[in-house]
Amino acid sequence: MRIASKQANVRVRSSYPNFLYSFEFADTPIEVKDEHAAKVLLNPMFYESDKDAVKETDVFDVLLEIKGIGKETVSDIKKVFANLEDLKFALAQDDVPLRNDAVDKLRAYFGIAPKDLNTTKASKNSK
C-alpha cells in the first residue's frame, strides 16, 4: 500500500508489529506493507496515496563507508536519530549514545570537533 506523510522528515515506528518507515518528503508516498499500513494510518499525519511510490532510501547508508562503522552501529544510530543533521548536531554537542570509538570515527568523517566542556565551564566562571 502506498502511504504519504503530510510533513517532511517524519519517521513512524512500531514495536508490534516491528517496523520503521522514513518519509523524507511531504506528500511523496512510499510502499508500506499492508499489515503495517493499518497501524500507520491511525495517525492523521499519514494518508493513503494514489501517486506512484518512491523507493525508500536510507540516508544512513552513507555511514557504512566509514571503516569500523557497520550495519549494527548504523541500526543503532537510526533508532535514535531521524536524519543525518540530528546526528551531526548531537556529535557536536557530545550527546551520542554510542561507543567512544564509533563517535570518534563519525566526528572525523563529518569533520566535527567535540564540544570542549572545559572551555564552557571556564567562560561561565569568568563572568
Protein backbone atom coordinates (compact mmCIF):
# COMPACT_ATOMS: atom_id res chain seq x y z
CA MET A 1 0.00 0.00 0.00
CA ARG A 2 1.24 3.50 -0.78
CA ILE A 3 1.24 5.90 2.15
CA ALA A 4 2.38 9.52 2.31
CA SER A 5 3.03 11.96 5.11
CA LYS A 6 1.71 15.50 5.39
CA GLN A 7 5.12 16.63 6.73
CA ALA A 8 8.69 16.05 5.55
CA ASN A 9 11.38 14.20 7.51
CA VAL A 10 9.00 12.10 9.56
CA ARG A 11 9.59 8.58 10.85
CA VAL A 12 6.98 6.17 12.06
CA ARG A 13 7.90 3.10 14.07
CA SER A 14 6.22 0.33 15.97
CA SER A 15 7.43 -2.41 18.26
CA TYR A 16 4.49 -4.69 17.49
CA PRO A 17 4.46 -5.38 14.66
CA ASN A 18 8.08 -4.30 14.39
CA PHE A 19 8.63 -1.73 11.63
CA LEU A 20 10.24 1.62 10.87
CA TYR A 21 9.42 3.83 7.88
CA SER A 22 11.00 7.18 6.97
CA PHE A 23 9.14 9.81 4.97
CA GLU A 24 11.74 12.25 3.65
CA PHE A 25 9.35 14.40 1.64
CA ALA A 26 5.83 15.60 2.29
CA ASP A 27 3.12 14.18 0.03
CA THR A 28 5.53 11.68 -1.53
CA PRO A 29 4.32 8.14 -0.87
CA ILE A 30 6.43 5.13 -0.03
CA GLU A 31 5.44 1.49 -0.22
CA VAL A 32 4.32 0.14 3.17
CA LYS A 33 3.43 -3.48 3.89
CA ASP A 34 -0.33 -3.96 4.12
CA GLU A 35 -0.11 -5.42 7.63
CA HIS A 36 1.72 -2.24 8.77
CA ALA A 37 -0.45 0.24 6.87
CA ALA A 38 -3.46 -0.04 9.17
CA LYS A 39 -1.36 0.96 12.17
CA VAL A 40 0.40 3.79 10.32
CA LEU A 41 -2.92 5.22 9.12
CA LEU A 42 -4.18 5.55 12.70
CA ASN A 43 -2.03 8.70 12.85
CA PRO A 44 -3.78 11.56 11.00
CA MET A 45 -0.40 12.80 9.73
CA PHE A 46 -0.36 9.90 7.23
CA TYR A 47 -2.73 9.10 4.40
CA GLU A 48 -3.16 6.57 1.63
CA SER A 49 -1.95 7.94 -1.69
CA ASP A 50 -2.71 7.03 -5.29
CA LYS A 51 0.58 8.54 -6.53
CA ASP A 52 3.44 6.27 -7.57
CA ALA A 53 5.53 5.29 -4.58
CA VAL A 54 9.19 6.17 -4.43
CA LYS A 55 11.68 3.64 -3.22
CA GLU A 56 12.52 4.36 0.39
CA THR A 57 16.12 5.45 0.52
CA ASP A 58 18.19 5.16 3.61
CA VAL A 59 20.27 8.29 4.13
CA PHE A 60 22.23 6.50 6.84
CA ASP A 61 23.74 4.00 4.35
CA VAL A 62 26.46 6.56 3.63
CA LEU A 63 27.83 5.84 7.13
CA LEU A 64 28.71 2.29 6.04
CA GLU A 65 31.58 3.83 4.04
CA ILE A 66 33.36 4.59 7.34
CA LYS A 67 35.83 1.89 8.31
CA GLY A 68 34.72 0.46 11.64
CA ILE A 69 31.07 1.52 11.29
CA GLY A 70 28.96 -1.49 10.42
CA LYS A 71 25.33 -2.33 9.91
CA GLU A 72 24.74 -2.85 13.64
CA THR A 73 26.09 0.61 14.51
CA VAL A 74 24.07 2.21 11.71
CA SER A 75 20.99 0.39 13.01
CA ASP A 76 21.65 1.80 16.49
CA ILE A 77 22.04 5.31 15.03
CA LYS A 78 18.73 5.02 13.13
CA LYS A 79 16.92 4.12 16.36
CA VAL A 80 17.95 7.42 17.92
CA PHE A 81 18.29 9.98 15.11
CA ALA A 82 15.74 10.94 12.47
CA ASN A 83 18.31 12.23 9.97
CA LEU A 84 21.99 12.99 9.48
CA GLU A 85 21.59 16.60 10.61
CA ASP A 86 20.34 15.46 14.02
CA LEU A 87 23.30 13.09 14.26
CA LYS A 88 25.78 15.84 13.35
CA PHE A 89 24.27 18.19 15.94
CA ALA A 90 24.48 15.51 18.63
CA LEU A 91 28.11 14.78 17.69
CA ALA A 92 28.95 18.46 18.11
CA GLN A 93 27.19 18.53 21.49
CA ASP A 94 28.89 15.31 22.64
CA ASP A 95 25.47 13.71 23.10
CA VAL A 96 25.66 10.44 21.14
CA PRO A 97 24.82 7.17 22.90
CA LEU A 98 27.44 5.07 21.10
CA ARG A 99 30.84 3.63 21.87
CA ASN A 100 33.61 6.26 22.01
CA ASP A 101 35.49 4.73 19.05
CA ALA A 102 32.36 4.93 16.87
CA VAL A 103 31.72 8.54 17.94
CA ASP A 104 35.34 9.47 17.12
CA LYS A 105 35.06 7.89 13.65
CA LEU A 106 31.78 9.70 12.96
CA ARG A 107 33.25 13.03 14.08
CA ALA A 108 36.28 12.52 11.85
CA TYR A 109 34.05 11.62 8.88
CA PHE A 110 31.91 14.73 9.25
CA GLY A 111 34.80 16.98 10.34
CA ILE A 112 33.21 17.83 13.68
CA ALA A 113 35.31 18.72 16.70
CA PRO A 114 33.96 17.57 20.05
CA LYS A 115 32.40 20.19 22.29
CA ASP A 116 35.07 21.40 24.70
CA LEU A 117 33.32 21.22 28.06
CA ASN A 118 36.26 22.78 29.94
CA THR A 119 36.10 25.94 27.83
CA THR A 120 32.39 26.27 28.52
CA LYS A 121 32.88 25.94 32.27
CA ALA A 122 35.78 28.39 32.27
CA SER A 123 33.79 31.03 30.40
CA LYS A 124 30.91 30.72 32.90
CA ASN A 125 33.27 31.08 35.86
CA SER A 126 34.93 34.20 34.44
CA LYS A 127 31.66 36.20 34.49
